[in-house]
């Protein structure tokens, strides 16, 4: 028995991150010290541009063509959406730049110490799905890259059934992509800014070259008015459907902005990069993707039937039609290599890091961002992402489902920070469960926030049934409401949460930490005024900081 007890104790000490962690904090969850808050506007520009300079930036708007919109309609839809997305991300990301805490900890101030587990678990689930989808896209690119090099790999016999929605080559590429991605997930997120500068620059050229090559191959023509798929609804509702797809497609990344704005060297340092990335990068690359997809459709056929909204499928067409052309094989290799590196970078930041931080928030004693992201990557295989990516309509429906849940959540959090709390947070109470803490609410749950969130997404629940193509007889009104609800849900939750807190205000509004909590020296209303030594003390275990559990 003593031997087993000693072995269990040794395993526990090995798994536990350090003796200074507790149920609510570890090094990745506390406010970042000054030596880790060194990102400038340029770093945020490259960070978020990396997201758009990928197959994702191409996929999300090119999938609008599968709905039946023509090129110019899809471009207009994307431009309108990007302005609204920019307003949301600026609001969501600002608290991270001021207080240097991420979504996981911010949610405690809104939903309560125990209540925060619910939105955190939800975002973990969404990150798992999105990580898997992007990893499989990366696997498709790896398979194409290997096919361009090795003739034997290109002609590998497919041993998987048609119902698998992937080939043996793609499955092998998927495994390779996941293994290589583990190396990038090992790197601490604050050290990723330099690699992203290189990756973003290279992949802008790759996306530009791919689009120009396709347009040249199609010999231009009237691509702007080309309708590449049959529209299933009238133009107005198809346009609104497209708006919902683009708006919801960035939902997970938009909710993650405070996870990275916390690295800002000063409040507002992230704003310039966010504005440029969403308004410029977020429009240029999708426009290239739309024209490139339209050109591919002109050459090869229907966007939805052939999956031409997805760049790996276009590259596969190149190999299938021009494999014995050395120039085309070389072009395919370089495009696939560039897109693979970009999607690996995007997947690591938007899904790996953010999801890993959420896992760390659930089990701070045993999980940091790195361990959490590894767990997320492993679980993502179980969602069978190849089934989601196989069909454009399933892909767009999945994106919609993200938005109707996450945007009401973001609306609740934005209202709480700006309207209810007037941008003031008491940091020390975010790391303790003592009933005197202002974020304890009622037994650790803030009923106001959950009520507002429920009001924001409940009306869209019946419309979720329309996502299943086998469900027939769904009233068209429910489907239309589902299309509208990402943005409508955001404002519904925002207004309802502000109203509930006006009539039923919680305790501690306007409270911030003072010298009783931070003994080192004077601390006022912003974490940027917290001295270096105090933050370092928090990082080493909280001596001098009242983090009672």
Protein backbone atom coordinates (compact mmCIF):
# COMPACT_ATOMS: atom_id res chain seq x y z
CA UNK A 1 0.00 0.00 0.00
CA UNK A 2 2.85 2.35 0.85
CA UNK A 3 4.36 1.66 -2.56
CA UNK A 4 1.09 2.52 -4.33
CA UNK A 5 0.67 5.64 -2.21
CA UNK A 6 4.19 6.79 -3.03
CA UNK A 7 3.64 6.07 -6.72
CA UNK A 8 0.34 7.97 -6.72
CA UNK A 9 1.99 10.88 -4.96
CA UNK A 10 4.84 10.93 -7.46
CA UNK A 11 2.41 10.88 -10.41
CA UNK A 12 0.40 13.70 -8.84
CA UNK A 13 3.50 15.85 -8.33
CA UNK A 14 4.56 15.18 -11.92
CA UNK A 15 1.21 16.17 -13.37
CA UNK A 16 0.73 19.22 -11.18
CA UNK A 17 2.23 22.32 -12.80
CA UNK A 18 3.69 23.83 -9.62
CA UNK A 19 2.95 24.17 -5.94
CA UNK A 20 1.82 27.79 -6.46
CA UNK A 21 -1.19 26.91 -8.62
CA UNK A 22 -4.69 26.55 -7.22
CA UNK A 23 -8.23 26.03 -8.48
CA UNK A 24 -8.35 29.44 -10.16
CA UNK A 25 -4.89 30.47 -11.27
CA UNK A 26 -1.64 29.45 -12.86
CA UNK A 27 1.01 31.33 -14.79
CA UNK A 28 -1.09 31.46 -17.98
CA UNK A 29 -4.23 32.80 -16.29
CA UNK A 30 -3.01 35.65 -14.09
CA UNK A 31 -2.57 39.20 -15.47
CA UNK A 32 0.56 39.17 -17.62
CA UNK A 33 3.73 40.76 -16.22
CA UNK A 34 5.37 43.66 -18.14
CA UNK A 35 8.04 41.47 -19.76
CA UNK A 36 5.27 39.54 -21.57
CA UNK A 37 3.21 42.57 -22.63
CA UNK A 38 5.37 43.80 -25.50
CA UNK A 39 3.19 43.52 -28.61
CA UNK A 40 2.80 46.58 -30.84
CA UNK A 41 0.17 47.42 -33.48
CA UNK A 42 2.40 45.77 -36.10
CA UNK A 43 2.39 42.51 -34.18
CA UNK A 44 -1.41 42.49 -34.05
CA UNK A 45 -1.58 43.38 -37.73
CA UNK A 46 0.52 40.35 -38.65
CA UNK A 47 -1.26 38.14 -36.12
CA UNK A 48 -4.78 38.75 -37.43
CA UNK A 49 -3.70 39.11 -41.05
CA UNK A 50 -2.31 35.59 -40.73
CA UNK A 51 -5.89 34.46 -40.05
CA UNK A 52 -7.11 35.98 -43.33
CA UNK A 53 -4.04 35.06 -45.42
CA UNK A 54 -5.05 31.40 -45.25
CA UNK A 55 -7.44 28.93 -46.83
CA UNK A 56 -9.91 30.12 -44.18
CA UNK A 57 -9.93 33.64 -45.62
CA UNK A 58 -10.58 32.06 -49.01
CA UNK A 59 -13.08 29.42 -47.87
CA UNK A 60 -15.47 31.49 -45.85
CA UNK A 61 -16.44 33.99 -48.55
CA UNK A 62 -15.98 31.63 -51.51
CA UNK A 63 -18.55 29.34 -49.88
CA UNK A 64 -21.08 32.13 -50.53
CA UNK A 65 -20.88 31.20 -54.21
CA UNK A 66 -22.23 27.77 -53.26
CA UNK A 67 -25.35 29.54 -51.91
CA UNK A 68 -26.05 30.97 -55.36
CA UNK A 69 -24.71 34.51 -55.00
CA UNK A 70 -22.68 35.88 -57.88
CA UNK A 71 -19.20 37.35 -57.41
CA UNK A 72 -20.15 40.99 -56.84
CA UNK A 73 -22.96 40.07 -54.47
CA UNK A 74 -20.58 37.92 -52.41
CA UNK A 75 -18.00 40.73 -52.29
CA UNK A 76 -20.58 43.28 -51.11
CA UNK A 77 -21.82 40.85 -48.48
CA UNK A 78 -18.28 40.42 -47.16
CA UNK A 79 -17.52 44.17 -47.03
CA UNK A 80 -20.68 45.00 -45.07
CA UNK A 81 -20.02 42.18 -42.64
CA UNK A 82 -16.41 43.17 -42.01
CA UNK A 83 -17.43 46.64 -40.75
CA UNK A 84 -19.79 45.10 -38.21
CA UNK A 85 -17.21 42.50 -37.19
CA UNK A 86 -14.63 45.23 -36.64
CA UNK A 87 -16.89 47.06 -34.19
CA UNK A 88 -17.48 43.85 -32.24
CA UNK A 89 -13.81 42.79 -32.04
CA UNK A 90 -12.70 46.23 -30.86
CA UNK A 91 -15.19 46.02 -27.99
CA UNK A 92 -14.37 42.40 -27.15
CA UNK A 93 -10.59 42.86 -27.31
CA UNK A 94 -10.29 46.08 -25.30
CA UNK A 95 -10.52 44.56 -21.78
CA UNK A 96 -7.60 42.26 -22.56
CA UNK A 97 -5.41 45.21 -23.55
CA UNK A 98 -6.26 47.08 -20.35
CA UNK A 99 -6.25 44.33 -17.72
CA UNK A 100 -4.04 41.75 -19.49
CA UNK A 101 -6.44 38.86 -18.90
CA UNK A 102 -8.08 36.61 -21.49
CA UNK A 103 -11.60 35.40 -22.22
CA UNK A 104 -11.37 32.59 -19.65
CA UNK A 105 -10.82 34.97 -16.72
CA UNK A 106 -12.99 37.81 -18.10
CA UNK A 107 -15.98 35.47 -18.18
CA UNK A 108 -15.72 35.07 -14.39
CA UNK A 109 -16.59 38.74 -13.90
CA UNK A 110 -19.72 38.30 -16.04
CA UNK A 111 -21.11 34.83 -15.30
CA UNK A 112 -19.66 34.23 -11.83
CA UNK A 113 -16.79 32.11 -10.62
CA UNK A 114 -18.59 28.79 -11.11
CA UNK A 115 -20.90 30.06 -13.82
CA UNK A 116 -17.93 30.92 -16.04
CA UNK A 117 -17.34 27.20 -16.53
CA UNK A 118 -20.37 27.03 -18.85
CA UNK A 119 -19.19 29.53 -21.52
CA UNK A 120 -15.65 28.23 -21.16
CA UNK A 121 -16.74 24.63 -21.80
CA UNK A 122 -18.84 25.82 -24.74
CA UNK A 123 -15.90 27.61 -26.31
CA UNK A 124 -13.69 24.55 -25.78
CA UNK A 125 -16.27 22.51 -27.70
CA UNK A 126 -16.36 25.02 -30.57
CA UNK A 127 -12.56 25.25 -30.66
CA UNK A 128 -12.39 21.47 -30.92
CA UNK A 129 -14.72 21.47 -33.93
CA UNK A 130 -12.94 24.36 -35.66
CA UNK A 131 -9.48 22.96 -34.87
CA UNK A 132 -10.49 19.67 -36.47
CA UNK A 133 -11.92 21.35 -39.58
CA UNK A 134 -8.79 23.41 -40.17
CA UNK A 135 -6.51 20.47 -39.37
CA UNK A 136 -8.24 18.34 -41.99
CA UNK A 137 -7.93 21.17 -44.52
CA UNK A 138 -4.23 21.23 -43.66
CA UNK A 139 -4.13 17.47 -44.14
CA UNK A 140 -5.61 17.85 -47.62
CA UNK A 141 -2.84 20.33 -48.43
CA UNK A 142 -0.14 18.01 -47.09
CA UNK A 143 -1.52 15.21 -49.29
CA UNK A 144 -1.38 17.50 -52.32
CA UNK A 145 2.13 18.63 -51.44
CA UNK A 146 3.33 15.01 -51.26
CA UNK A 147 1.48 14.14 -54.46
CA UNK A 148 3.27 16.94 -56.28
CA UNK A 149 6.62 15.47 -55.20
CA UNK A 150 6.01 11.72 -55.40
CA UNK A 151 4.19 10.13 -58.32
CA UNK A 152 3.62 6.98 -56.30
CA UNK A 153 1.82 8.95 -53.60
CA UNK A 154 -0.36 10.69 -56.18
CA UNK A 155 -1.47 7.34 -57.60
CA UNK A 156 -1.93 5.70 -54.19
CA UNK A 157 -4.98 3.45 -54.19
CA UNK A 158 -7.85 4.65 -52.05
CA UNK A 159 -8.78 1.97 -49.51
CA UNK A 160 -11.49 3.98 -47.73
CA UNK A 161 -15.21 3.71 -48.58
CA UNK A 162 -17.03 6.60 -50.23
CA UNK A 163 -18.94 7.22 -47.01
CA UNK A 164 -15.66 8.18 -45.30
CA UNK A 165 -15.70 11.50 -47.24
CA UNK A 166 -11.91 11.35 -47.62
CA UNK A 167 -9.26 9.33 -49.40
CA UNK A 168 -6.36 7.35 -48.01
CA UNK A 169 -3.96 10.05 -49.24
CA UNK A 170 -5.90 12.72 -47.36
CA UNK A 171 -6.02 10.61 -44.21
CA UNK A 172 -2.23 10.19 -44.25
CA UNK A 173 -1.83 13.93 -44.84
CA UNK A 174 -4.18 14.65 -41.94
CA UNK A 175 -2.08 12.52 -39.57
CA UNK A 176 1.15 14.20 -40.71
CA UNK A 177 -0.34 17.69 -40.35
CA UNK A 178 -1.50 16.99 -36.79
CA UNK A 179 1.89 15.64 -35.73
CA UNK A 180 3.81 18.62 -37.17
CA UNK A 181 1.31 21.05 -35.60
CA UNK A 182 2.29 19.84 -32.13
CA UNK A 183 5.61 21.63 -32.54
CA UNK A 184 3.92 25.00 -33.06
CA UNK A 185 1.57 24.40 -30.13
CA UNK A 186 4.66 23.94 -27.94
CA UNK A 187 5.72 27.58 -28.46
CA UNK A 188 4.36 30.04 -25.84
CA UNK A 189 1.84 32.39 -27.53
CA UNK A 190 3.74 35.57 -26.63
CA UNK A 191 6.69 34.28 -28.69
CA UNK A 192 4.69 33.67 -31.85
CA UNK A 193 4.69 37.25 -33.11
CA UNK A 194 7.95 37.01 -35.08
CA UNK A 195 7.06 33.77 -36.93
CA UNK A 196 3.71 35.30 -37.85
CA UNK A 197 5.40 38.25 -39.56
CA UNK A 198 7.18 35.87 -41.90
CA UNK A 199 4.19 33.59 -42.47
CA UNK A 200 1.78 36.47 -43.20
CA UNK A 201 4.14 38.04 -45.74
CA UNK A 202 4.77 34.78 -47.59
CA UNK A 203 1.14 33.75 -47.73
CA UNK A 204 -0.09 37.07 -49.07
CA UNK A 205 2.06 36.33 -52.12
CA UNK A 206 0.80 32.73 -52.28
CA UNK A 207 -2.89 33.71 -52.19
CA UNK A 208 -2.27 36.47 -54.72
CA UNK A 209 -0.46 34.06 -57.05
CA UNK A 210 -3.19 31.40 -56.74
CA UNK A 211 -5.97 33.87 -57.58
CA UNK A 212 -4.11 35.42 -60.51
CA UNK A 213 -3.24 31.99 -61.89
CA UNK A 214 -6.88 30.87 -61.79
CA UNK A 215 -8.19 34.07 -63.36
CA UNK A 216 -5.57 33.84 -66.10
CA UNK A 217 -6.45 30.19 -66.70
CA UNK A 218 -10.13 31.09 -67.07
CA UNK A 219 -9.13 33.90 -69.43
CA UNK A 220 -11.01 36.47 -67.36
CA UNK A 221 -14.33 37.29 -68.93
CA UNK A 222 -17.53 38.15 -67.10
CA UNK A 223 -16.53 36.61 -63.77
CA UNK A 224 -18.20 39.38 -61.77
CA UNK A 225 -21.72 38.38 -62.80
CA UNK A 226 -21.05 34.64 -63.02
CA UNK A 227 -23.46 32.63 -60.87
CA UNK A 228 -21.64 29.40 -60.05
CA UNK A 229 -24.41 27.50 -58.23
CA UNK A 230 -28.19 27.38 -58.30
CA UNK A 231 -29.82 29.67 -55.72
CA UNK A 232 -32.28 27.88 -53.41
CA UNK A 233 -34.03 31.05 -52.20
CA UNK A 234 -34.81 34.58 -53.34
CA UNK A 235 -31.88 36.99 -53.62
CA UNK A 236 -32.70 38.98 -50.47
CA UNK A 237 -32.72 36.02 -48.10
CA UNK A 238 -29.77 34.41 -49.85
CA UNK A 239 -27.82 37.62 -49.23
CA UNK A 240 -28.85 37.62 -45.56
CA UNK A 241 -27.85 33.96 -45.34
CA UNK A 242 -24.45 34.90 -46.78
CA UNK A 243 -24.13 37.72 -44.26
CA UNK A 244 -24.80 35.25 -41.43
CA UNK A 245 -22.20 32.82 -42.80
CA UNK A 246 -19.42 35.43 -42.94
CA UNK A 247 -20.40 37.07 -39.66
CA UNK A 248 -20.56 33.74 -37.82
CA UNK A 249 -17.48 32.32 -39.51
CA UNK A 250 -15.18 34.47 -37.39
CA UNK A 251 -17.18 33.94 -34.17
CA UNK A 252 -14.62 31.75 -32.38
CA UNK A 253 -11.73 34.05 -33.35
CA UNK A 254 -13.66 37.19 -32.41
CA UNK A 255 -14.41 35.79 -28.95
CA UNK A 256 -10.66 35.09 -28.62
CA UNK A 257 -9.40 38.64 -29.15
CA UNK A 258 -8.81 39.36 -25.46
CA UNK A 259 -6.65 36.21 -25.33
CA UNK A 260 -4.14 38.07 -27.51
CA UNK A 261 -4.85 41.74 -26.81
CA UNK A 262 -3.61 40.96 -23.28
CA UNK A 263 -0.09 40.97 -24.79
CA UNK A 264 -0.45 44.64 -25.82
CA UNK A 265 2.31 46.89 -24.49
CA UNK A 266 -0.31 49.52 -23.62
CA UNK A 267 -4.12 49.81 -23.83
CA UNK A 268 -5.08 50.44 -27.43
CA UNK A 269 -1.87 49.09 -28.96
CA UNK A 270 -3.95 46.36 -30.57
CA UNK A 271 -6.48 48.67 -32.23
CA UNK A 272 -4.48 49.71 -35.30
CA UNK A 273 -3.61 46.12 -36.16
CA UNK A 274 -7.20 44.97 -35.64
CA UNK A 275 -8.60 47.73 -37.87
CA UNK A 276 -6.19 47.05 -40.73
CA UNK A 277 -6.55 43.28 -40.49
CA UNK A 278 -10.35 43.21 -40.61
CA UNK A 279 -11.01 46.12 -42.98
CA UNK A 280 -8.09 45.64 -45.40
CA UNK A 281 -6.75 42.08 -45.09
CA UNK A 282 -10.25 40.81 -44.33
CA UNK A 283 -11.53 42.21 -47.63
CA UNK A 284 -8.58 41.86 -50.01
CA UNK A 285 -8.03 38.13 -49.52
CA UNK A 286 -11.73 37.17 -49.67
CA UNK A 287 -12.12 39.20 -52.88
CA UNK A 288 -9.19 37.28 -54.38
CA UNK A 289 -10.76 34.04 -53.17
CA UNK A 290 -14.14 34.86 -54.68
CA UNK A 291 -12.69 35.72 -58.09
CA UNK A 292 -10.38 32.71 -57.95
CA UNK A 293 -13.27 30.38 -57.09
CA UNK A 294 -15.42 31.87 -59.87
CA UNK A 295 -12.58 31.33 -62.32
CA UNK A 296 -12.20 27.71 -61.15
CA UNK A 297 -15.94 27.20 -61.60
CA UNK A 298 -15.74 28.57 -65.13
CA UNK A 299 -13.01 26.05 -65.94
CA UNK A 300 -14.15 22.96 -64.01
CA UNK A 301 -17.85 23.13 -63.07
CA UNK A 302 -20.27 23.70 -60.18
CA UNK A 303 -18.74 25.17 -57.00
CA UNK A 304 -20.79 23.06 -54.60
CA UNK A 305 -20.60 19.74 -56.44
CA UNK A 306 -16.81 19.94 -56.90
CA UNK A 307 -16.08 21.77 -53.63
CA UNK A 308 -14.26 24.53 -55.50
CA UNK A 309 -14.82 26.98 -52.62
CA UNK A 310 -12.10 24.99 -50.80
CA UNK A 311 -8.55 25.69 -52.20
CA UNK A 312 -7.20 22.14 -51.67
CA UNK A 313 -9.87 20.86 -54.05
CA UNK A 314 -8.73 23.36 -56.69
CA UNK A 315 -5.12 22.23 -56.29
CA UNK A 316 -6.24 18.62 -56.57
CA UNK A 317 -7.94 19.49 -59.87
CA UNK A 318 -4.60 20.88 -61.09
CA UNK A 319 -2.91 17.58 -60.32
CA UNK A 320 -5.71 15.50 -61.81
CA UNK A 321 -5.72 17.46 -65.07
CA UNK A 322 -2.07 18.52 -65.46
CA UNK A 323 0.04 16.05 -63.47
CA UNK A 324 2.53 15.46 -66.26
CA UNK A 325 3.15 19.20 -66.66
CA UNK A 326 6.27 19.99 -64.54
CA UNK A 327 5.35 23.68 -64.27
CA UNK A 328 1.88 22.90 -62.88
CA UNK A 329 3.30 20.39 -60.41
CA UNK A 330 5.83 22.96 -59.20
CA UNK A 331 3.12 25.61 -58.87
CA UNK A 332 0.94 23.17 -56.95
CA UNK A 333 3.79 22.33 -54.58
CA UNK A 334 4.62 25.94 -53.70
CA UNK A 335 1.00 26.99 -53.25
CA UNK A 336 0.28 23.94 -51.09
CA UNK A 337 3.40 24.55 -48.99
CA UNK A 338 2.48 28.19 -48.36
CA UNK A 339 -1.14 27.43 -47.52
CA UNK A 340 -0.10 24.59 -45.21
CA UNK A 341 2.16 26.86 -43.15
CA UNK A 342 -0.48 29.56 -42.91
CA UNK A 343 -3.30 27.26 -41.84
CA UNK A 344 -1.00 25.67 -39.26
CA UNK A 345 -0.27 29.12 -37.83
CA UNK A 346 -3.93 30.14 -37.81
CA UNK A 347 -5.06 26.91 -36.21
CA UNK A 348 -2.51 27.24 -33.44
CA UNK A 349 -3.59 30.76 -32.44
CA UNK A 350 -7.36 30.82 -33.02
CA UNK A 351 -8.13 27.35 -31.76
CA UNK A 352 -5.09 25.80 -30.08
CA UNK A 353 -4.07 28.71 -27.85
CA UNK A 354 -7.58 29.97 -27.08
CA UNK A 355 -8.97 26.50 -26.46
CA UNK A 356 -5.89 25.57 -24.44
CA UNK A 357 -6.37 28.60 -22.22
CA UNK A 358 -9.97 27.57 -21.60
CA UNK A 359 -8.89 24.06 -20.60
CA UNK A 360 -6.35 25.68 -18.26
CA UNK A 361 -9.20 27.70 -16.77
CA UNK A 362 -11.05 24.49 -15.88
CA UNK A 363 -8.04 22.72 -14.33
CA UNK A 364 -5.32 25.29 -13.54
CA UNK A 365 -3.40 22.88 -11.31
CA UNK A 366 -2.77 20.41 -14.12
CA UNK A 367 -3.23 22.28 -17.40
CA UNK A 368 -1.48 25.27 -18.89
CA UNK A 369 -2.07 26.56 -22.42
CA UNK A 370 0.33 24.03 -23.93
CA UNK A 371 -1.18 20.96 -22.28
CA UNK A 372 -4.69 22.22 -22.94
CA UNK A 373 -4.02 22.74 -26.64
CA UNK A 374 -2.57 19.22 -26.94
CA UNK A 375 -5.68 17.75 -25.34
CA UNK A 376 -7.89 19.79 -27.67
CA UNK A 377 -5.94 18.61 -30.74
CA UNK A 378 -6.36 14.99 -29.70
CA UNK A 379 -10.11 15.27 -29.12
CA UNK A 380 -10.67 17.13 -32.41
CA UNK A 381 -10.24 13.86 -34.33
CA UNK A 382 -13.45 12.54 -32.77
CA UNK A 383 -15.68 15.17 -34.44
CA UNK A 384 -14.88 13.70 -37.90
CA UNK A 385 -14.03 17.08 -39.49
CA UNK A 386 -13.76 15.49 -42.94
CA UNK A 387 -17.54 15.14 -42.96
CA UNK A 388 -17.98 18.87 -42.28
CA UNK A 389 -15.51 19.98 -44.95
CA UNK A 390 -16.87 17.57 -47.58
CA UNK A 391 -19.88 19.72 -48.48
CA UNK A 392 -20.24 23.48 -48.81
CA UNK A 393 -23.76 23.57 -47.37
CA UNK A 394 -22.70 21.60 -44.28
CA UNK A 395 -19.70 23.91 -43.87
CA UNK A 396 -21.81 27.08 -43.99
CA UNK A 397 -24.41 25.57 -41.65
CA UNK A 398 -21.70 24.73 -39.12
CA UNK A 399 -20.45 28.32 -39.24
CA UNK A 400 -23.99 29.60 -38.65
CA UNK A 401 -24.40 27.42 -35.57
CA UNK A 402 -21.25 28.95 -34.04
CA UNK A 403 -22.61 32.47 -34.43
CA UNK A 404 -26.06 32.04 -32.93
CA UNK A 405 -24.46 30.83 -29.68
CA UNK A 406 -21.32 32.94 -29.41
CA UNK A 407 -22.62 36.36 -30.47
CA UNK A 408 -25.26 36.56 -27.71
CA UNK A 409 -22.46 35.51 -25.33
CA UNK A 410 -20.27 38.35 -26.60
CA UNK A 411 -23.19 40.79 -26.39
CA UNK A 412 -23.66 39.90 -22.72
CA UNK A 413 -19.95 40.36 -21.96
CA UNK A 414 -19.68 43.67 -23.83
CA UNK A 415 -22.72 45.08 -22.00
CA UNK A 416 -21.31 43.95 -18.66
CA UNK A 417 -17.90 45.55 -19.18
CA UNK A 418 -18.93 48.88 -20.74
CA UNK A 419 -22.44 49.56 -19.42
CA UNK A 420 -22.69 47.71 -16.12
CA UNK A 421 -19.14 47.94 -14.74
CA UNK A 422 -17.97 51.08 -16.55
CA UNK A 423 -14.72 49.32 -17.59
CA UNK A 424 -13.62 48.60 -13.99
CA UNK A 425 -12.55 45.16 -12.79
CA UNK A 426 -11.38 43.99 -9.39
CA UNK A 427 -8.63 41.59 -10.41
CA UNK A 428 -8.04 39.88 -7.06
CA UNK A 429 -11.67 38.72 -6.84
CA UNK A 430 -11.29 36.89 -10.16
CA UNK A 431 -8.98 34.39 -8.45
CA UNK A 432 -10.86 33.44 -5.28
CA UNK A 433 -14.18 31.84 -4.35
CA UNK A 434 -14.67 33.56 -1.01
CA UNK A 435 -18.30 34.63 -0.65
CA UNK A 436 -17.16 38.21 -0.04
CA UNK A 437 -15.81 38.40 -3.60
CA UNK A 438 -17.90 40.60 -5.89
CA UNK A 439 -17.92 37.93 -8.62
CA UNK A 440 -19.38 35.27 -6.35
CA UNK A 441 -22.94 36.56 -7.02
CA UNK A 442 -25.36 33.80 -5.92
CA UNK A 443 -23.46 30.61 -5.15
CA UNK A 444 -20.97 31.41 -7.89
CA UNK A 445 -23.52 32.10 -10.65
CA UNK A 446 -24.76 35.42 -12.07
CA UNK A 447 -28.38 34.78 -13.02
CA UNK A 448 -28.59 38.12 -14.86
CA UNK A 449 -25.91 37.15 -17.38
CA UNK A 450 -27.35 33.70 -18.02
CA UNK A 451 -30.84 35.11 -18.49
CA UNK A 452 -29.57 37.67 -21.02
CA UNK A 453 -27.55 35.01 -22.86
CA UNK A 454 -30.57 32.69 -23.01
CA UNK A 455 -32.76 35.48 -24.36
CA UNK A 456 -30.11 36.09 -27.03
CA UNK A 457 -29.86 32.59 -28.46
CA UNK A 458 -33.08 30.77 -27.47
CA UNK A 459 -35.13 32.12 -30.43
CA UNK A 460 -32.62 30.56 -32.84
CA UNK A 461 -32.88 27.04 -31.38
CA UNK A 462 -35.83 25.91 -33.54
CA UNK A 463 -33.91 27.06 -36.63
CA UNK A 464 -31.04 24.73 -35.74
CA UNK A 465 -33.19 21.88 -37.03
CA UNK A 466 -32.84 23.34 -40.52
CA UNK A 467 -29.10 22.55 -40.43
CA UNK A 468 -29.87 18.89 -41.00
CA UNK A 469 -30.63 18.46 -44.71
CA UNK A 470 -32.72 15.37 -43.88
CA UNK A 471 -35.18 17.45 -41.84
CA UNK A 472 -38.06 18.40 -44.11
CA UNK A 473 -41.05 20.59 -43.38
CA UNK A 474 -39.17 23.13 -41.25
CA UNK A 475 -41.18 26.41 -41.40
CA UNK A 476 -39.30 28.87 -43.59
CA UNK A 477 -39.80 31.59 -40.99
CA UNK A 478 -37.67 29.66 -38.49
CA UNK A 479 -34.93 29.27 -41.08
CA UNK A 480 -34.98 33.00 -41.85
CA UNK A 481 -34.86 33.85 -38.14
CA UNK A 482 -31.84 31.59 -37.82
CA UNK A 483 -30.08 33.53 -40.58
CA UNK A 484 -30.75 36.85 -38.83
CA UNK A 485 -29.98 35.77 -35.33
CA UNK A 486 -26.17 36.08 -35.01
CA UNK A 487 -26.36 39.88 -35.10
CA UNK A 488 -29.88 40.14 -33.62
CA UNK A 489 -28.86 37.86 -30.74
CA UNK A 490 -25.85 40.04 -29.95
CA UNK A 491 -28.00 43.15 -29.52
CA UNK A 492 -30.80 41.29 -27.73
CA UNK A 493 -28.40 39.97 -25.07
CA UNK A 494 -26.64 43.35 -24.84
CA UNK A 495 -29.86 45.26 -24.17
CA UNK A 496 -31.39 42.65 -21.87
CA UNK A 497 -28.25 42.33 -19.71
CA UNK A 498 -27.92 46.10 -19.36
CA UNK A 499 -31.61 46.34 -18.39
CA UNK A 500 -31.49 43.52 -15.82
CA UNK A 501 -28.47 45.08 -14.12
CA UNK A 502 -30.16 48.49 -14.07
CA UNK A 503 -33.16 47.11 -12.17
CA UNK A 504 -31.25 44.46 -10.18
CA UNK A 505 -27.69 45.80 -9.75
CA UNK A 506 -25.13 43.35 -8.31
CA UNK A 507 -22.82 44.27 -5.46
CA UNK A 508 -19.40 45.78 -6.06
CA UNK A 509 -20.06 47.82 -9.19
CA UNK A 510 -17.13 50.18 -9.79
CA UNK A 511 -14.88 48.32 -7.34
CA UNK A 512 -11.17 47.97 -8.09
CA UNK A 513 -8.22 46.71 -6.07
CA UNK A 514 -6.49 48.91 -3.53
CA UNK A 515 -3.53 48.60 -1.18
CA UNK A 516 -5.38 46.05 0.95
CA UNK A 517 -5.16 43.63 -1.96
CA UNK A 518 -1.82 44.73 -3.39
CA UNK A 519 0.63 45.49 -0.63
CA UNK A 520 3.60 46.28 -2.81
CA UNK A 521 2.62 49.82 -3.70
CA UNK A 522 -0.22 51.98 -4.94
CA UNK A 523 -2.64 50.38 -7.40
CA UNK A 524 -5.46 52.30 -9.03
CA UNK A 525 -7.94 51.32 -11.73
CA UNK A 526 -5.89 49.76 -14.51
CA UNK A 527 -3.61 46.77 -14.56
CA UNK A 528 -1.09 48.84 -16.55
CA UNK A 529 -0.55 50.86 -13.37
CA UNK A 530 0.21 47.71 -11.41
CA UNK A 531 3.97 47.78 -10.71
CA UNK A 532 6.23 45.15 -12.21
CA UNK A 533 7.15 43.63 -8.86
CA UNK A 534 3.51 43.11 -7.87
CA UNK A 535 2.67 41.23 -11.05
CA UNK A 536 5.80 39.12 -10.73
CA UNK A 537 4.76 38.35 -7.15
CA UNK A 538 1.40 37.17 -8.44
CA UNK A 539 3.18 34.98 -10.97
CA UNK A 540 5.33 33.37 -8.28
CA UNK A 541 2.44 32.35 -6.11
CA UNK A 542 0.48 35.33 -4.93
CA UNK A 543 2.42 36.44 -1.84
CA UNK A 544 1.25 39.91 -1.04
CA UNK A 545 -1.95 39.38 -3.01
CA UNK A 546 -5.15 38.24 -1.35
CA UNK A 547 -6.03 35.20 -3.47
CA UNK A 548 -7.97 33.28 -0.88
CA UNK A 549 -9.75 30.19 -2.13
